[in-house]
Amino acid sequence: ERIKHHTPNEILLPEENTINFKEALIFAFLGVLRWRWEINCLQSV
């Protein structure tokens, strides 16, 4: 809702499976970085 309020762009939400798939990939990647003791949490973010 807040994003829609602050942008003139059209907001597109894919189907739920696509949203969940990306979420799983991101957390798996963060886990790999953790396993390898590589930075996975950025100060700037």
All heavy atoms as atom14 arrays in JSON, in Angstrom:
{
  "sequence": "ERIKHHTPNEILLPEENTINFKEALIFAFLGVLRWRWEINCLQSV",
  "atom14_mask": [
    [1, 1, 1, 1, 1, 1, 1, 1, 1, 0, 0, 0, 0, 0],
    [1, 1, 1, 1, 1, 1, 1, 1, 1, 1, 1, 0, 0, 0],
    [1, 1, 1, 1, 1, 1, 1, 1, 0, 0, 0, 0, 0, 0],
    [1, 1, 1, 1, 1, 1, 1, 1, 1, 0, 0, 0, 0, 0],
    [1, 1, 1, 1, 1, 1, 1, 1, 1, 1, 0, 0, 0, 0],
    [1, 1, 1, 1, 1, 1, 1, 1, 1, 1, 0, 0, 0, 0],
    [1, 1, 1, 1, 1, 1, 1, 0, 0, 0, 0, 0, 0, 0],
    [1, 1, 1, 1, 1, 1, 1, 0, 0, 0, 0, 0, 0, 0],
    [1, 1, 1, 1, 1, 1, 1, 1, 0, 0, 0, 0, 0, 0],
    [1, 1, 1, 1, 1, 1, 1, 1, 1, 0, 0, 0, 0, 0],
    [1, 1, 1, 1, 1, 1, 1, 1, 0, 0, 0, 0, 0, 0],
    [1, 1, 1, 1, 1, 1, 1, 1, 0, 0, 0, 0, 0, 0],
    [1, 1, 1, 1, 1, 1, 1, 1, 0, 0, 0, 0, 0, 0],
    [1, 1, 1, 1, 1, 1, 1, 0, 0, 0, 0, 0, 0, 0],
    [1, 1, 1, 1, 1, 1, 1, 1, 1, 0, 0, 0, 0, 0],
    [1, 1, 1, 1, 1, 1, 1, 1, 1, 0, 0, 0, 0, 0],
    [1, 1, 1, 1, 1, 1, 1, 1, 0, 0, 0, 0, 0, 0],
    [1, 1, 1, 1, 1, 1, 1, 0, 0, 0, 0, 0, 0, 0],
    [1, 1, 1, 1, 1, 1, 1, 1, 0, 0, 0, 0, 0, 0],
    [1, 1, 1, 1, 1, 1, 1, 1, 0, 0, 0, 0, 0, 0],
    [1, 1, 1, 1, 1, 1, 1, 1, 1, 1, 1, 0, 0, 0],
    [1, 1, 1, 1, 1, 1, 1, 1, 1, 0, 0, 0, 0, 0],
    [1, 1, 1, 1, 1, 1, 1, 1, 1, 0, 0, 0, 0, 0],
    [1, 1, 1, 1, 1, 0, 0, 0, 0, 0, 0, 0, 0, 0],
    [1, 1, 1, 1, 1, 1, 1, 1, 0, 0, 0, 0, 0, 0],
    [1, 1, 1, 1, 1, 1, 1, 1, 0, 0, 0, 0, 0, 0],
    [1, 1, 1, 1, 1, 1, 1, 1, 1, 1, 1, 0, 0, 0],
    [1, 1, 1, 1, 1, 0, 0, 0, 0, 0, 0, 0, 0, 0],
    [1, 1, 1, 1, 1, 1, 1, 1, 1, 1, 1, 0, 0, 0],
    [1, 1, 1, 1, 1, 1, 1, 1, 0, 0, 0, 0, 0, 0],
    [1, 1, 1, 1, 0, 0, 0, 0, 0, 0, 0, 0, 0, 0],
    [1, 1, 1, 1, 1, 1, 1, 0, 0, 0, 0, 0, 0, 0],
    [1, 1, 1, 1, 1, 1, 1, 1, 0, 0, 0, 0, 0, 0],
    [1, 1, 1, 1, 1, 1, 1, 1, 1, 1, 1, 0, 0, 0],
    [1, 1, 1, 1, 1, 1, 1, 1, 1, 1, 1, 1, 1, 1],
    [1, 1, 1, 1, 1, 1, 1, 1, 1, 1, 1, 0, 0, 0],
    [1, 1, 1, 1, 1, 1, 1, 1, 1, 1, 1, 1, 1, 1],
    [1, 1, 1, 1, 1, 1, 1, 1, 1, 0, 0, 0, 0, 0],
    [1, 1, 1, 1, 1, 1, 1, 1, 0, 0, 0, 0, 0, 0],
    [1, 1, 1, 1, 1, 1, 1, 1, 0, 0, 0, 0, 0, 0],
    [1, 1, 1, 1, 1, 1, 0, 0, 0, 0, 0, 0, 0, 0],
    [1, 1, 1, 1, 1, 1, 1, 1, 0, 0, 0, 0, 0, 0],
    [1, 1, 1, 1, 1, 1, 1, 1, 1, 0, 0, 0, 0, 0],
    [1, 1, 1, 1, 1, 1, 0, 0, 0, 0, 0, 0, 0, 0],
    [1, 1, 1, 1, 1, 1, 1, 0, 0, 0, 0, 0, 0, 0]
  ],
  "atom14_positions": [
    [[0.84, -1.21, 0.0], [0.0, 0.0, 0.0], [0.87, 1.26, 0.0], [0.61, 2.2, -0.74], [-0.9, -0.02, 1.23], [-1.72, 1.24, 1.43], [-2.43, 1.23, 2.77], [-3.02, 0.2, 3.12], [-2.36, 2.27, 3.47], [0.0, 0.0, 0.0], [0.0, 0.0, 0.0], [0.0, 0.0, 0.0], [0.0, 0.0, 0.0], [0.0, 0.0, 0.0]],
    [[1.91, 1.27, 0.83], [2.79, 2.44, 0.93], [3.59, 2.64, -0.37], [3.79, 3.76, -0.82], [3.74, 2.32, 2.12], [3.06, 2.25, 3.48], [1.98, 3.3, 3.71], [2.5, 4.63, 3.55], [1.78, 5.71, 3.23], [0.5, 5.6, 3.02], [2.34, 6.88, 3.1], [0.0, 0.0, 0.0], [0.0, 0.0, 0.0], [0.0, 0.0, 0.0]],
    [[4.04, 1.53, -0.96], [4.77, 1.63, -2.23], [3.85, 2.22, -3.3], [4.24, 3.12, -4.04], [5.34, 0.27, -2.66], [6.45, -0.15, -1.7], [5.85, 0.32, -4.09], [6.94, -1.58, -1.9], [0.0, 0.0, 0.0], [0.0, 0.0, 0.0], [0.0, 0.0, 0.0], [0.0, 0.0, 0.0], [0.0, 0.0, 0.0], [0.0, 0.0, 0.0]],
    [[2.62, 1.71, -3.37], [1.66, 2.23, -4.35], [1.41, 3.71, -4.14], [1.26, 4.47, -5.09], [0.34, 1.46, -4.25], [0.4, 0.08, -4.83], [-0.95, -0.63, -4.69], [-0.9, -2.02, -5.29], [-2.17, -2.74, -5.16], [0.0, 0.0, 0.0], [0.0, 0.0, 0.0], [0.0, 0.0, 0.0], [0.0, 0.0, 0.0], [0.0, 0.0, 0.0]],
    [[1.35, 4.13, -2.88], [1.1, 5.53, -2.55], [2.24, 6.44, -3.03], [2.0, 7.59, -3.43], [0.9, 5.69, -1.05], [0.69, 7.1, -0.6], [-0.5, 7.76, -0.78], [1.53, 7.98, -0.01], [-0.39, 9.0, -0.3], [0.83, 9.14, 0.17], [0.0, 0.0, 0.0], [0.0, 0.0, 0.0], [0.0, 0.0, 0.0], [0.0, 0.0, 0.0]],
    [[3.47, 5.93, -3.0], [4.64, 6.76, -3.28], [5.23, 6.59, -4.68], [6.28, 7.17, -4.96], [5.73, 6.5, -2.24], [5.38, 7.05, -0.89], [5.45, 8.39, -0.59], [4.93, 6.43, 0.23], [5.07, 8.58, 0.67], [4.74, 7.41, 1.18], [0.0, 0.0, 0.0], [0.0, 0.0, 0.0], [0.0, 0.0, 0.0], [0.0, 0.0, 0.0]],
    [[4.59, 5.81, -5.53], [5.13, 5.64, -6.88], [4.0, 5.71, -7.91], [2.9, 5.22, -7.66], [5.89, 4.32, -7.04], [6.45, 4.26, -8.36], [5.01, 3.11, -6.84], [0.0, 0.0, 0.0], [0.0, 0.0, 0.0], [0.0, 0.0, 0.0], [0.0, 0.0, 0.0], [0.0, 0.0, 0.0], [0.0, 0.0, 0.0], [0.0, 0.0, 0.0]],
    [[4.28, 6.31, -9.04], [3.29, 6.3, -10.12], [3.33, 5.0, -10.93], [2.49, 4.76, -11.79], [3.71, 7.49, -10.98], [5.19, 7.57, -10.8], [5.43, 7.15, -9.37], [0.0, 0.0, 0.0], [0.0, 0.0, 0.0], [0.0, 0.0, 0.0], [0.0, 0.0, 0.0], [0.0, 0.0, 0.0], [0.0, 0.0, 0.0], [0.0, 0.0, 0.0]],
    [[4.31, 4.16, -10.67], [4.49, 2.92, -11.43], [3.41, 1.9, -11.11], [2.88, 1.86, -10.0], [5.86, 2.3, -11.12], [6.99, 3.23, -11.49], [6.97, 3.85, -12.53], [7.97, 3.33, -10.61], [0.0, 0.0, 0.0], [0.0, 0.0, 0.0], [0.0, 0.0, 0.0], [0.0, 0.0, 0.0], [0.0, 0.0, 0.0], [0.0, 0.0, 0.0]],
    [[3.13, 1.07, -12.08], [2.21, -0.05, -11.87], [2.92, -1.08, -10.99], [4.09, -1.4, -11.19], [1.83, -0.68, -13.21], [0.9, -1.85, -13.09], [0.58, -2.49, -14.43], [1.12, -2.05, -15.47], [-0.21, -3.44, -14.42], [0.0, 0.0, 0.0], [0.0, 0.0, 0.0], [0.0, 0.0, 0.0], [0.0, 0.0, 0.0], [0.0, 0.0, 0.0]],
    [[2.21, -1.6, -10.02], [2.76, -2.62, -9.12], [2.26, -3.99, -9.57], [1.07, -4.2, -9.72], [2.31, -2.38, -7.66], [2.7, -0.98, -7.19], [2.85, -3.45, -6.73], [4.16, -0.7, -7.14], [0.0, 0.0, 0.0], [0.0, 0.0, 0.0], [0.0, 0.0, 0.0], [0.0, 0.0, 0.0], [0.0, 0.0, 0.0], [0.0, 0.0, 0.0]],
    [[3.19, -4.9, -9.8], [2.85, -6.25, -10.23], [3.3, -7.25, -9.18], [4.44, -7.23, -8.73], [3.55, -6.58, -11.55], [3.23, -5.66, -12.73], [4.12, -6.01, -13.92], [1.77, -5.77, -13.1], [0.0, 0.0, 0.0], [0.0, 0.0, 0.0], [0.0, 0.0, 0.0], [0.0, 0.0, 0.0], [0.0, 0.0, 0.0], [0.0, 0.0, 0.0]],
    [[2.38, -8.09, -8.76], [2.68, -9.18, -7.84], [2.49, -10.49, -8.59], [1.41, -10.77, -9.08], [1.76, -9.14, -6.62], [1.86, -7.9, -5.73], [0.74, -7.89, -4.71], [3.21, -7.85, -5.06], [0.0, 0.0, 0.0], [0.0, 0.0, 0.0], [0.0, 0.0, 0.0], [0.0, 0.0, 0.0], [0.0, 0.0, 0.0], [0.0, 0.0, 0.0]],
    [[3.54, -11.31, -8.68], [3.39, -12.59, -9.38], [2.57, -13.56, -8.54], [2.19, -13.26, -7.41], [4.84, -13.07, -9.53], [5.58, -12.4, -8.43], [4.88, -11.1, -8.17], [0.0, 0.0, 0.0], [0.0, 0.0, 0.0], [0.0, 0.0, 0.0], [0.0, 0.0, 0.0], [0.0, 0.0, 0.0], [0.0, 0.0, 0.0], [0.0, 0.0, 0.0]],
    [[2.36, -14.74, -9.08], [1.6, -15.75, -8.33], [2.38, -16.15, -7.07], [3.59, -15.99, -6.97], [1.3, -16.96, -9.2], [2.53, -17.71, -9.65], [2.18, -18.88, -10.55], [1.42, -18.71, -11.49], [2.71, -19.98, -10.25], [0.0, 0.0, 0.0], [0.0, 0.0, 0.0], [0.0, 0.0, 0.0], [0.0, 0.0, 0.0], [0.0, 0.0, 0.0]],
    [[1.65, -16.68, -6.1], [2.21, -16.99, -4.79], [3.42, -17.94, -4.86], [4.39, -17.77, -4.13], [1.12, -17.59, -3.9], [1.56, -17.79, -2.47], [0.42, -18.24, -1.57], [-0.75, -17.98, -1.88], [0.73, -18.88, -0.55], [0.0, 0.0, 0.0], [0.0, 0.0, 0.0], [0.0, 0.0, 0.0], [0.0, 0.0, 0.0], [0.0, 0.0, 0.0]],
    [[3.37, -18.93, -5.75], [4.49, -19.87, -5.87], [5.78, -19.16, -6.28], [6.86, -19.5, -5.8], [4.18, -20.98, -6.88], [3.23, -22.01, -6.32], [3.08, -22.13, -5.11], [2.59, -22.76, -7.19], [0.0, 0.0, 0.0], [0.0, 0.0, 0.0], [0.0, 0.0, 0.0], [0.0, 0.0, 0.0], [0.0, 0.0, 0.0], [0.0, 0.0, 0.0]],
    [[5.68, -18.18, -7.16], [6.86, -17.43, -7.59], [7.42, -16.61, -6.44], [8.63, -16.56, -6.23], [6.51, -16.51, -8.78], [6.01, -17.33, -9.85], [7.71, -15.73, -9.26], [0.0, 0.0, 0.0], [0.0, 0.0, 0.0], [0.0, 0.0, 0.0], [0.0, 0.0, 0.0], [0.0, 0.0, 0.0], [0.0, 0.0, 0.0], [0.0, 0.0, 0.0]],
    [[6.53, -15.97, -5.69], [6.97, -15.18, -4.53], [7.69, -16.09, -3.53], [8.8, -15.77, -3.07], [5.77, -14.5, -3.86], [5.17, -13.45, -4.81], [6.18, -13.86, -2.54], [3.84, -12.89, -4.35], [0.0, 0.0, 0.0], [0.0, 0.0, 0.0], [0.0, 0.0, 0.0], [0.0, 0.0, 0.0], [0.0, 0.0, 0.0], [0.0, 0.0, 0.0]],
    [[7.11, -17.22, -3.21], [7.7, -18.15, -2.24], [9.02, -18.74, -2.75], [9.96, -18.94, -1.98], [6.73, -19.26, -1.88], [5.59, -18.76, -1.03], [5.74, -17.81, -0.27], [4.44, -19.39, -1.16], [0.0, 0.0, 0.0], [0.0, 0.0, 0.0], [0.0, 0.0, 0.0], [0.0, 0.0, 0.0], [0.0, 0.0, 0.0], [0.0, 0.0, 0.0]],
    [[9.1, -19.02, -4.05], [10.31, -19.58, -4.63], [11.47, -18.61, -4.47], [12.57, -19.0, -4.05], [10.07, -19.91, -6.11], [11.28, -20.5, -6.79], [11.66, -21.81, -6.54], [12.01, -19.75, -7.69], [12.76, -22.35, -7.16], [13.12, -20.29, -8.32], [13.5, -21.59, -8.07], [0.0, 0.0, 0.0], [0.0, 0.0, 0.0], [0.0, 0.0, 0.0]],
    [[11.23, -17.34, -4.77], [12.3, -16.35, -4.63], [12.73, -16.22, -3.18], [13.91, -16.15, -2.87], [11.88, -15.0, -5.17], [13.01, -13.99, -5.04], [12.64, -12.63, -5.54], [13.77, -11.66, -5.28], [13.37, -10.3, -5.44], [0.0, 0.0, 0.0], [0.0, 0.0, 0.0], [0.0, 0.0, 0.0], [0.0, 0.0, 0.0], [0.0, 0.0, 0.0]],
    [[11.78, -16.2, -2.27], [12.09, -16.1, -0.85], [12.97, -17.28, -0.41], [13.96, -17.09, 0.3], [10.79, -16.07, -0.03], [10.99, -15.85, 1.43], [11.24, -14.4, 1.81], [11.32, -13.53, 0.92], [11.36, -14.14, 3.0], [0.0, 0.0, 0.0], [0.0, 0.0, 0.0], [0.0, 0.0, 0.0], [0.0, 0.0, 0.0], [0.0, 0.0, 0.0]],
    [[12.64, -18.48, -0.86], [13.43, -19.65, -0.51], [14.84, -19.56, -1.07], [15.82, -19.9, -0.39], [12.72, -20.92, -1.01], [0.0, 0.0, 0.0], [0.0, 0.0, 0.0], [0.0, 0.0, 0.0], [0.0, 0.0, 0.0], [0.0, 0.0, 0.0], [0.0, 0.0, 0.0], [0.0, 0.0, 0.0], [0.0, 0.0, 0.0], [0.0, 0.0, 0.0]],
    [[14.97, -19.11, -2.31], [16.3, -18.97, -2.92], [17.17, -17.98, -2.16], [18.35, -18.24, -1.91], [16.17, -18.51, -4.38], [15.75, -19.54, -5.4], [15.6, -18.87, -6.77], [16.75, -20.67, -5.47], [0.0, 0.0, 0.0], [0.0, 0.0, 0.0], [0.0, 0.0, 0.0], [0.0, 0.0, 0.0], [0.0, 0.0, 0.0], [0.0, 0.0, 0.0]],
    [[16.58, -16.86, -1.79], [17.35, -15.83, -1.08], [17.84, -16.37, 0.26], [19.01, -16.18, 0.63], [16.48, -14.56, -0.87], [16.16, -13.92, -2.2], [17.17, -13.58, 0.06], [17.33, -13.45, -3.01], [0.0, 0.0, 0.0], [0.0, 0.0, 0.0], [0.0, 0.0, 0.0], [0.0, 0.0, 0.0], [0.0, 0.0, 0.0], [0.0, 0.0, 0.0]],
    [[16.97, -17.04, 1.02], [17.38, -17.54, 2.32], [18.39, -18.68, 2.19], [19.3, -18.81, 3.02], [16.18, -17.92, 3.18], [15.64, -16.73, 3.91], [14.66, -15.94, 3.34], [16.14, -16.38, 5.15], [14.19, -14.81, 4.0], [15.68, -15.25, 5.82], [14.7, -14.47, 5.24], [0.0, 0.0, 0.0], [0.0, 0.0, 0.0], [0.0, 0.0, 0.0]],
    [[18.27, -19.49, 1.15], [19.27, -20.54, 0.91], [20.63, -19.9, 0.62], [21.66, -20.34, 1.14], [18.83, -21.42, -0.25], [0.0, 0.0, 0.0], [0.0, 0.0, 0.0], [0.0, 0.0, 0.0], [0.0, 0.0, 0.0], [0.0, 0.0, 0.0], [0.0, 0.0, 0.0], [0.0, 0.0, 0.0], [0.0, 0.0, 0.0], [0.0, 0.0, 0.0]],
    [[20.63, -18.84, -0.18], [21.88, -18.12, -0.49], [22.49, -17.52, 0.77], [23.7, -17.63, 1.0], [21.62, -17.04, -1.55], [22.83, -16.26, -1.91], [23.92, -16.86, -2.52], [22.9, -14.91, -1.62], [25.06, -16.13, -2.85], [24.03, -14.17, -1.94], [25.11, -14.78, -2.56], [0.0, 0.0, 0.0], [0.0, 0.0, 0.0], [0.0, 0.0, 0.0]],
    [[21.66, -16.9, 1.61], [22.16, -16.34, 2.87], [22.75, -17.45, 3.75], [23.77, -17.25, 4.41], [21.04, -15.62, 3.63], [20.56, -14.31, 3.01], [19.33, -13.79, 3.76], [21.66, -13.27, 3.0], [0.0, 0.0, 0.0], [0.0, 0.0, 0.0], [0.0, 0.0, 0.0], [0.0, 0.0, 0.0], [0.0, 0.0, 0.0], [0.0, 0.0, 0.0]],
    [[22.12, -18.62, 3.74], [22.63, -19.75, 4.5], [23.98, -20.23, 3.99], [24.87, -20.56, 4.77], [0.0, 0.0, 0.0], [0.0, 0.0, 0.0], [0.0, 0.0, 0.0], [0.0, 0.0, 0.0], [0.0, 0.0, 0.0], [0.0, 0.0, 0.0], [0.0, 0.0, 0.0], [0.0, 0.0, 0.0], [0.0, 0.0, 0.0], [0.0, 0.0, 0.0]],
    [[24.14, -20.27, 2.68], [25.43, -20.67, 2.09], [26.51, -19.66, 2.5], [27.63, -20.05, 2.88], [25.34, -20.78, 0.55], [26.72, -20.88, -0.08], [24.48, -21.98, 0.16], [0.0, 0.0, 0.0], [0.0, 0.0, 0.0], [0.0, 0.0, 0.0], [0.0, 0.0, 0.0], [0.0, 0.0, 0.0], [0.0, 0.0, 0.0], [0.0, 0.0, 0.0]],
    [[26.19, -18.38, 2.42], [27.16, -17.38, 2.84], [27.54, -17.56, 4.31], [28.71, -17.46, 4.68], [26.62, -15.97, 2.61], [26.46, -15.54, 1.15], [25.82, -14.16, 1.07], [27.8, -15.55, 0.43], [0.0, 0.0, 0.0], [0.0, 0.0, 0.0], [0.0, 0.0, 0.0], [0.0, 0.0, 0.0], [0.0, 0.0, 0.0], [0.0, 0.0, 0.0]],
    [[26.55, -17.86, 5.15], [26.81, -18.08, 6.58], [27.71, -19.29, 6.78], [28.66, -19.26, 7.54], [25.48, -18.25, 7.34], [25.59, -18.76, 8.76], [26.45, -17.8, 9.6], [26.61, -18.28, 10.95], [27.57, -19.08, 11.37], [28.48, -19.51, 10.53], [27.65, -19.44, 12.63], [0.0, 0.0, 0.0], [0.0, 0.0, 0.0], [0.0, 0.0, 0.0]],
    [[27.41, -20.37, 6.08], [28.19, -21.59, 6.18], [29.66, -21.33, 5.81], [30.57, -21.88, 6.43], [27.59, -22.66, 5.26], [28.29, -23.97, 5.31], [29.22, -24.45, 4.43], [28.13, -24.99, 6.29], [29.63, -25.7, 4.8], [28.98, -26.05, 5.95], [27.34, -25.11, 7.43], [29.06, -27.22, 6.69], [27.42, -26.26, 8.16], [28.28, -27.3, 7.81]],
    [[29.88, -20.46, 4.82], [31.23, -20.15, 4.34], [31.87, -18.99, 5.1], [32.95, -18.57, 4.75], [31.16, -19.83, 2.86], [30.72, -21.03, 2.02], [30.41, -20.7, 0.6], [31.51, -19.98, -0.03], [31.6, -19.74, -1.32], [30.66, -20.17, -2.11], [32.61, -19.08, -1.8], [0.0, 0.0, 0.0], [0.0, 0.0, 0.0], [0.0, 0.0, 0.0]],
    [[31.21, -18.49, 6.14], [31.68, -17.33, 6.93], [31.94, -16.12, 6.04], [32.92, -15.39, 6.22], [32.93, -17.69, 7.74], [32.59, -18.43, 8.98], [32.57, -19.79, 9.13], [32.18, -17.89, 10.23], [32.17, -20.11, 10.41], [31.93, -18.95, 11.1], [31.99, -16.58, 10.69], [31.51, -18.77, 12.41], [31.57, -16.41, 11.99], [31.34, -17.5, 12.83]],
    [[31.06, -15.9, 5.07], [31.14, -14.72, 4.21], [30.07, -13.73, 4.66], [29.01, -14.11, 5.14], [30.93, -15.1, 2.75], [32.04, -15.99, 2.21], [31.85, -16.34, 0.76], [31.32, -15.5, 0.0], [32.21, -17.47, 0.38], [0.0, 0.0, 0.0], [0.0, 0.0, 0.0], [0.0, 0.0, 0.0], [0.0, 0.0, 0.0], [0.0, 0.0, 0.0]],
    [[30.33, -12.47, 4.49], [29.4, -11.43, 4.9], [28.04, -11.65, 4.24], [27.96, -11.82, 3.02], [29.96, -10.03, 4.57], [31.16, -9.76, 5.49], [28.9, -8.95, 4.71], [31.93, -8.51, 5.13], [0.0, 0.0, 0.0], [0.0, 0.0, 0.0], [0.0, 0.0, 0.0], [0.0, 0.0, 0.0], [0.0, 0.0, 0.0], [0.0, 0.0, 0.0]],
    [[26.99, -11.66, 5.05], [25.63, -11.8, 4.53], [24.69, -10.74, 5.1], [23.49, -10.8, 4.89], [25.09, -13.21, 4.78], [24.96, -13.53, 6.26], [25.17, -12.69, 7.12], [24.63, -14.77, 6.55], [0.0, 0.0, 0.0], [0.0, 0.0, 0.0], [0.0, 0.0, 0.0], [0.0, 0.0, 0.0], [0.0, 0.0, 0.0], [0.0, 0.0, 0.0]],
    [[25.23, -9.79, 5.83], [24.44, -8.73, 6.44], [25.21, -7.42, 6.25], [26.27, -7.24, 6.84], [24.22, -9.05, 7.92], [23.12, -7.89, 8.73], [0.0, 0.0, 0.0], [0.0, 0.0, 0.0], [0.0, 0.0, 0.0], [0.0, 0.0, 0.0], [0.0, 0.0, 0.0], [0.0, 0.0, 0.0], [0.0, 0.0, 0.0], [0.0, 0.0, 0.0]],
    [[24.7, -6.55, 5.4], [25.42, -5.33, 5.04], [25.0, -4.14, 5.88], [23.81, -3.87, 6.05], [25.2, -5.01, 3.56], [25.62, -6.08, 2.57], [25.25, -5.66, 1.16], [27.11, -6.36, 2.68], [0.0, 0.0, 0.0], [0.0, 0.0, 0.0], [0.0, 0.0, 0.0], [0.0, 0.0, 0.0], [0.0, 0.0, 0.0], [0.0, 0.0, 0.0]],
    [[25.98, -3.43, 6.38], [25.74, -2.22, 7.18], [24.87, -1.23, 6.41], [23.95, -0.63, 6.96], [27.08, -1.58, 7.53], [26.97, -0.22, 8.17], [28.32, 0.47, 8.28], [29.26, 0.11, 7.59], [28.4, 1.45, 9.13], [0.0, 0.0, 0.0], [0.0, 0.0, 0.0], [0.0, 0.0, 0.0], [0.0, 0.0, 0.0], [0.0, 0.0, 0.0]],
    [[25.12, -1.08, 5.13], [24.4, -0.1, 4.31], [22.92, -0.45, 4.16], [22.11, 0.42, 3.89], [25.04, 0.01, 2.93], [24.98, -1.23, 2.26], [0.0, 0.0, 0.0], [0.0, 0.0, 0.0], [0.0, 0.0, 0.0], [0.0, 0.0, 0.0], [0.0, 0.0, 0.0], [0.0, 0.0, 0.0], [0.0, 0.0, 0.0], [0.0, 0.0, 0.0]],
    [[22.56, -1.7, 4.36], [21.18, -2.15, 4.21], [20.46, -2.18, 5.56], [19.31, -1.77, 5.67], [21.13, -3.54, 3.54], [19.7, -4.07, 3.5], [21.73, -3.48, 2.15], [0.0, 0.0, 0.0], [0.0, 0.0, 0.0], [0.0, 0.0, 0.0], [0.0, 0.0, 0.0], [0.0, 0.0, 0.0], [0.0, 0.0, 0.0], [0.0, 0.0, 0.0]]
  ]
}
